Amino acid sequence: MNFQHLKAEFDRDGFVIVRQLLPAADFAELNRQLDRYLREVVPGLPNTDAFYDADRSRPETLRQLHRLDQDPFFAAYRNSPIWSSLAEPLVGEAVTAMPQEGFNKAVELRKAADAVGGYVITAHPFRSALIKPERKRALIYQSVSDPLPKEPEDAVGHPVFKIANAVEVANGGTVDGENEFAMRVARLIGMPVTGGSDAHSVHGLGKFVTAFRDEINTESEFLAGLHSGTFFPAMGLRLGHLRPYKV
């Protein structure tokens, strides 16, 4: 296949949609291998490679998998010519399949963001810290020995608030009580606050947003708006009545 005709679309949008990229037989084999991996490999993976919304006793809550390349099939699959034949025309140079790159430490993320003029927001910081006691540790407390907070004052010393530039206090995938708790913590610390839909489907789009004082048209304007602090979390966009999110 020749994908050169998609480059302009990729340059404009940052992604392309290619339908029926895989032959039916290849797609069926991929699904078969995924089923095998979920059934035979995932139960033995460490917590750093398999993430659950609840815990391992409820496999239906599996949310995310890392490092599938540990498996021989997927290690070979990522080097399939179909992927390079798609990627190379889009990026305009030769490509090499590599494992997913991420930041395991928030401090390193902040350093990387500062190096390029970025802006770090701690997203839904208290998800599962208040409302879901069946979870052993809420996300931001998994590497911190502090007890889970009961009052906003209990949370202000968390290290994440010394690293982030702002706090997301209105998250569309988080229950009201945890959003409100985040807002109260941010007020105590005096940090800027944002909103986001956290939509995993079209149904959640725009539940919460971050509204800017000035019109934003480019990445540089977006970053300038963040660093200037001229924004606020908002709600009501889907109803045509945008207003600040308040607690």
Protein backbone atom coordinates (compact mmCIF):
# COMPACT_ATOMS: atom_id res chain seq x y z
CA MET A 1 0.00 0.00 0.00
CA ASN A 2 1.06 3.57 -0.64
CA PHE A 3 0.15 6.00 2.15
CA GLN A 4 1.91 9.10 0.83
CA HIS A 5 -1.43 10.74 0.04
CA LEU A 6 -2.20 10.81 3.78
CA LYS A 7 0.78 12.96 4.79
CA ALA A 8 -0.97 16.31 4.40
CA GLU A 9 -3.81 15.09 6.59
CA PHE A 10 -1.33 13.78 9.17
CA ASP A 11 0.60 17.07 9.20
CA ARG A 12 -2.64 18.99 9.71
CA ASP A 13 -4.34 16.79 12.33
CA GLY A 14 -1.55 14.71 13.89
CA PHE A 15 -3.32 11.45 13.05
CA VAL A 16 -4.95 9.58 10.19
CA ILE A 17 -7.66 6.93 10.01
CA VAL A 18 -6.84 3.98 7.76
CA ARG A 19 -9.72 1.54 7.45
CA GLN A 20 -9.19 -2.15 6.69
CA LEU A 21 -5.44 -1.79 7.07
CA LEU A 22 -5.04 -5.43 8.08
CA PRO A 23 -6.29 -8.34 6.00
CA ALA A 24 -9.12 -10.24 7.68
CA ALA A 25 -6.95 -13.26 8.44
CA ASP A 26 -4.24 -11.10 10.04
CA PHE A 27 -6.80 -9.28 12.13
CA ALA A 28 -8.29 -12.58 13.32
CA GLU A 29 -4.84 -13.83 14.29
CA LEU A 30 -4.13 -10.62 16.21
CA ASN A 31 -7.35 -11.07 18.20
CA ARG A 32 -6.49 -14.70 18.87
CA GLN A 33 -3.08 -13.72 20.21
CA LEU A 34 -4.58 -10.98 22.37
CA ASP A 35 -7.02 -13.47 23.86
CA ARG A 36 -4.13 -15.83 24.60
CA TYR A 37 -2.10 -13.05 26.18
CA LEU A 38 -4.98 -11.95 28.41
CA ARG A 39 -5.73 -15.51 29.44
CA GLU A 40 -2.26 -16.94 29.94
CA VAL A 41 0.17 -14.07 30.49
CA VAL A 42 -1.61 -11.15 32.12
CA PRO A 43 -2.48 -12.94 35.41
CA GLY A 44 1.25 -13.32 36.11
CA LEU A 45 2.34 -9.81 35.17
CA PRO A 46 3.63 -7.39 37.84
CA ASN A 47 1.59 -4.34 38.79
CA THR A 48 3.86 -2.16 36.64
CA ASP A 49 2.74 -3.97 33.48
CA ALA A 50 -0.97 -4.57 34.08
CA PHE A 51 -3.22 -1.85 35.50
CA TYR A 52 -6.69 -2.46 36.90
CA ASP A 53 -9.42 -0.01 37.85
CA ALA A 54 -10.13 -2.22 40.88
CA ASP A 55 -7.72 -5.12 41.48
CA ARG A 56 -6.61 -8.44 40.04
CA SER A 57 -9.49 -10.28 41.62
CA ARG A 58 -11.72 -8.54 39.09
CA PRO A 59 -10.07 -9.14 35.68
CA GLU A 60 -12.92 -7.37 33.93
CA THR A 61 -11.50 -4.10 35.32
CA LEU A 62 -8.22 -4.46 33.39
CA ARG A 63 -7.54 -0.99 32.02
CA GLN A 64 -4.06 -0.84 30.55
CA LEU A 65 -1.18 -3.09 29.53
CA HIS A 66 2.47 -2.11 29.25
CA ARG A 67 5.41 -3.87 27.59
CA LEU A 68 3.58 -6.37 25.41
CA ASP A 69 6.90 -6.76 23.61
CA GLN A 70 7.95 -9.17 26.39
CA ASP A 71 5.82 -11.69 24.54
CA PRO A 72 7.49 -13.26 21.45
CA PHE A 73 4.46 -12.77 19.22
CA PHE A 74 4.07 -9.07 20.01
CA ALA A 75 7.82 -8.46 19.94
CA ALA A 76 7.83 -9.69 16.35
CA TYR A 77 4.48 -8.11 15.49
CA ARG A 78 5.62 -4.56 16.15
CA ASN A 79 8.27 -5.01 13.44
CA SER A 80 5.73 -6.03 10.79
CA PRO A 81 6.37 -4.16 7.51
CA ILE A 82 2.78 -2.92 7.49
CA TRP A 83 3.55 -0.50 10.33
CA SER A 84 6.72 0.95 8.83
CA SER A 85 5.06 1.23 5.41
CA LEU A 86 2.40 3.39 7.08
CA ALA A 87 4.61 5.38 9.44
CA GLU A 88 7.49 6.32 7.15
CA PRO A 89 5.46 8.30 4.57
CA LEU A 90 3.68 10.13 7.39
CA VAL A 91 6.76 11.24 9.33
CA GLY A 92 8.96 11.58 6.25
CA GLU A 93 11.87 9.46 7.43
CA ALA A 94 12.86 5.92 8.31
CA VAL A 95 11.28 4.54 11.48
CA THR A 96 12.29 1.92 14.02
CA ALA A 97 9.85 0.11 16.28
CA MET A 98 10.60 0.94 19.91
CA PRO A 99 8.92 0.21 23.24
CA GLN A 100 6.54 2.83 24.57
CA GLU A 101 8.43 5.65 26.23
CA GLY A 102 7.05 7.33 29.29
CA PHE A 103 7.96 9.01 32.55
CA ASN A 104 7.79 6.87 35.66
CA LYS A 105 8.74 9.72 37.98
CA ALA A 106 6.85 12.99 38.20
CA VAL A 107 10.07 14.89 38.92
CA GLU A 108 11.53 13.73 35.60
CA LEU A 109 8.33 14.69 33.83
CA ARG A 110 8.53 18.20 35.26
CA LYS A 111 12.17 18.53 34.18
CA ALA A 112 11.28 17.44 30.65
CA ALA A 113 8.32 19.85 30.54
CA ASP A 114 10.43 22.76 31.77
CA ALA A 115 13.06 22.04 29.13
CA VAL A 116 10.57 22.68 26.33
CA GLY A 117 8.40 25.32 27.99
CA GLY A 118 5.67 22.85 28.94
CA TYR A 119 3.11 22.95 31.71
CA VAL A 120 2.33 20.10 34.13
CA ILE A 121 -1.17 19.50 35.50
CA THR A 122 -1.91 16.80 38.03
CA ALA A 123 -5.05 15.13 36.70
CA HIS A 124 -7.89 13.94 38.97
CA PRO A 125 -5.49 13.72 41.94
CA PHE A 126 -7.95 12.26 44.42
CA ARG A 127 -9.68 9.69 42.24
CA SER A 128 -10.30 6.61 44.40
CA ALA A 129 -8.85 8.33 47.46
CA LEU A 130 -12.24 9.05 49.03
CA ILE A 131 -15.08 7.23 47.31
CA LYS A 132 -13.73 3.75 46.50
CA PRO A 133 -12.36 2.21 49.68
CA GLU A 134 -12.00 -1.21 48.04
CA ARG A 135 -8.96 0.06 46.18
CA LYS A 136 -5.85 -0.63 48.20
CA ARG A 137 -4.14 2.66 47.38
CA ALA A 138 -5.31 5.66 45.38
CA LEU A 139 -3.05 6.45 42.45
CA ILE A 140 -1.09 9.38 43.89
CA TYR A 141 -0.63 7.51 47.18
CA GLN A 142 0.75 4.27 45.73
CA SER A 143 4.34 5.43 46.18
CA VAL A 144 3.72 7.68 49.17
CA SER A 145 3.43 6.25 52.66
CA ASP A 146 1.04 8.95 53.93
CA PRO A 147 -2.41 7.72 55.00
CA LEU A 148 -5.24 8.53 52.62
CA PRO A 149 -6.52 12.04 53.39
CA LYS A 150 -9.78 12.61 55.19
CA GLU A 151 -9.70 16.40 55.09
CA PRO A 152 -8.16 18.78 52.52
CA GLU A 153 -5.59 19.87 55.10
CA ASP A 154 -4.32 16.27 55.21
CA ALA A 155 -3.38 16.40 51.51
CA VAL A 156 -1.62 19.73 51.05
CA GLY A 157 1.81 18.27 51.79
CA HIS A 158 1.69 15.67 49.02
CA PRO A 159 4.81 15.97 46.83
CA VAL A 160 2.83 16.14 43.60
CA PHE A 161 1.70 19.66 44.47
CA LYS A 162 5.32 20.80 44.58
CA ILE A 163 5.91 19.40 41.10
CA ALA A 164 2.78 20.32 39.15
CA ASN A 165 1.98 23.78 37.80
CA ALA A 166 -1.76 23.34 38.29
CA VAL A 167 -4.41 20.97 39.65
CA GLU A 168 -7.30 19.50 37.69
CA VAL A 169 -10.32 19.99 39.94
CA ALA A 170 -13.18 19.33 37.50
CA ASN A 171 -12.76 15.95 35.84
CA GLY A 172 -15.58 14.35 33.88
CA GLY A 173 -14.57 10.83 34.90
CA THR A 174 -14.32 11.56 38.61
CA VAL A 175 -17.14 11.66 41.15
CA ASP A 176 -18.27 15.00 42.51
CA GLY A 177 -16.86 14.51 45.99
CA GLU A 178 -13.35 13.89 44.72
CA ASN A 179 -13.50 16.89 42.39
CA GLU A 180 -14.67 19.09 45.23
CA PHE A 181 -11.91 17.76 47.48
CA ALA A 182 -9.30 18.62 44.82
CA MET A 183 -10.69 22.15 44.56
CA ARG A 184 -10.45 22.68 48.31
CA VAL A 185 -6.88 21.38 48.39
CA ALA A 186 -5.89 23.67 45.51
CA ARG A 187 -7.42 26.64 47.31
CA LEU A 188 -5.42 25.90 50.44
CA ILE A 189 -2.20 25.69 48.43
CA GLY A 190 -3.05 28.59 46.13
CA MET A 191 -2.49 26.66 42.89
CA PRO A 192 -4.15 27.33 39.50
CA VAL A 193 -6.99 24.94 38.66
CA THR A 194 -8.25 23.36 35.42
CA GLY A 195 -11.08 21.21 34.09
CA GLY A 196 -11.24 18.37 31.57
CA SER A 197 -13.85 15.99 30.21
CA ASP A 198 -11.64 12.86 30.47
CA ALA A 199 -13.97 11.51 27.80
CA HIS A 200 -13.44 7.94 26.63
CA SER A 201 -16.45 8.22 24.32
CA VAL A 202 -18.42 10.99 22.64
CA HIS A 203 -20.94 10.93 25.49
CA GLY A 204 -18.54 12.59 27.91
CA LEU A 205 -17.14 15.28 25.64
CA GLY A 206 -17.27 18.73 27.15
CA LYS A 207 -18.64 17.78 30.56
CA PHE A 208 -15.88 19.91 32.05
CA VAL A 209 -13.42 22.11 30.16
CA THR A 210 -10.71 24.66 30.76
CA ALA A 211 -11.80 28.08 29.52
CA PHE A 212 -9.24 30.71 28.53
CA ARG A 213 -9.60 34.47 28.65
CA ASP A 214 -8.10 34.89 25.18
CA GLU A 215 -8.83 33.02 21.97
CA ILE A 216 -6.48 30.07 21.44
CA ASN A 217 -5.50 29.14 17.89
CA THR A 218 -1.99 27.69 18.14
CA GLU A 219 0.13 25.58 20.44
CA SER A 220 2.23 28.61 21.40
CA GLU A 221 -0.91 30.58 22.31
CA PHE A 222 -2.12 27.61 24.34
CA LEU A 223 1.12 27.41 26.33
CA ALA A 224 1.19 31.19 26.78
CA GLY A 225 -2.34 31.06 28.17
CA LEU A 226 -1.40 28.33 30.61
CA HIS A 227 1.73 30.07 31.84
CA SER A 228 -0.12 33.37 32.22
CA GLY A 229 -2.77 31.72 34.38
CA THR A 230 -5.61 33.30 32.39
CA PHE A 231 -7.91 30.27 32.51
CA PHE A 232 -10.46 28.59 34.76
CA PRO A 233 -12.32 25.28 34.98
CA ALA A 234 -15.78 25.50 33.45
CA MET A 235 -18.96 23.50 32.94
CA GLY A 236 -22.15 23.82 30.92
CA LEU A 237 -20.54 23.80 27.47
CA ARG A 238 -22.80 21.04 26.16
CA LEU A 239 -25.87 23.01 27.24
CA GLY A 240 -24.68 26.23 25.64
CA HIS A 241 -24.25 27.89 29.03
CA LEU A 242 -20.54 27.96 29.84
CA ARG A 243 -19.86 29.01 33.41
CA PRO A 244 -17.07 28.62 35.97
CA TYR A 245 -16.93 25.42 37.96
CA LYS A 246 -17.37 26.39 41.60
CA VAL A 247 -17.45 24.59 44.93
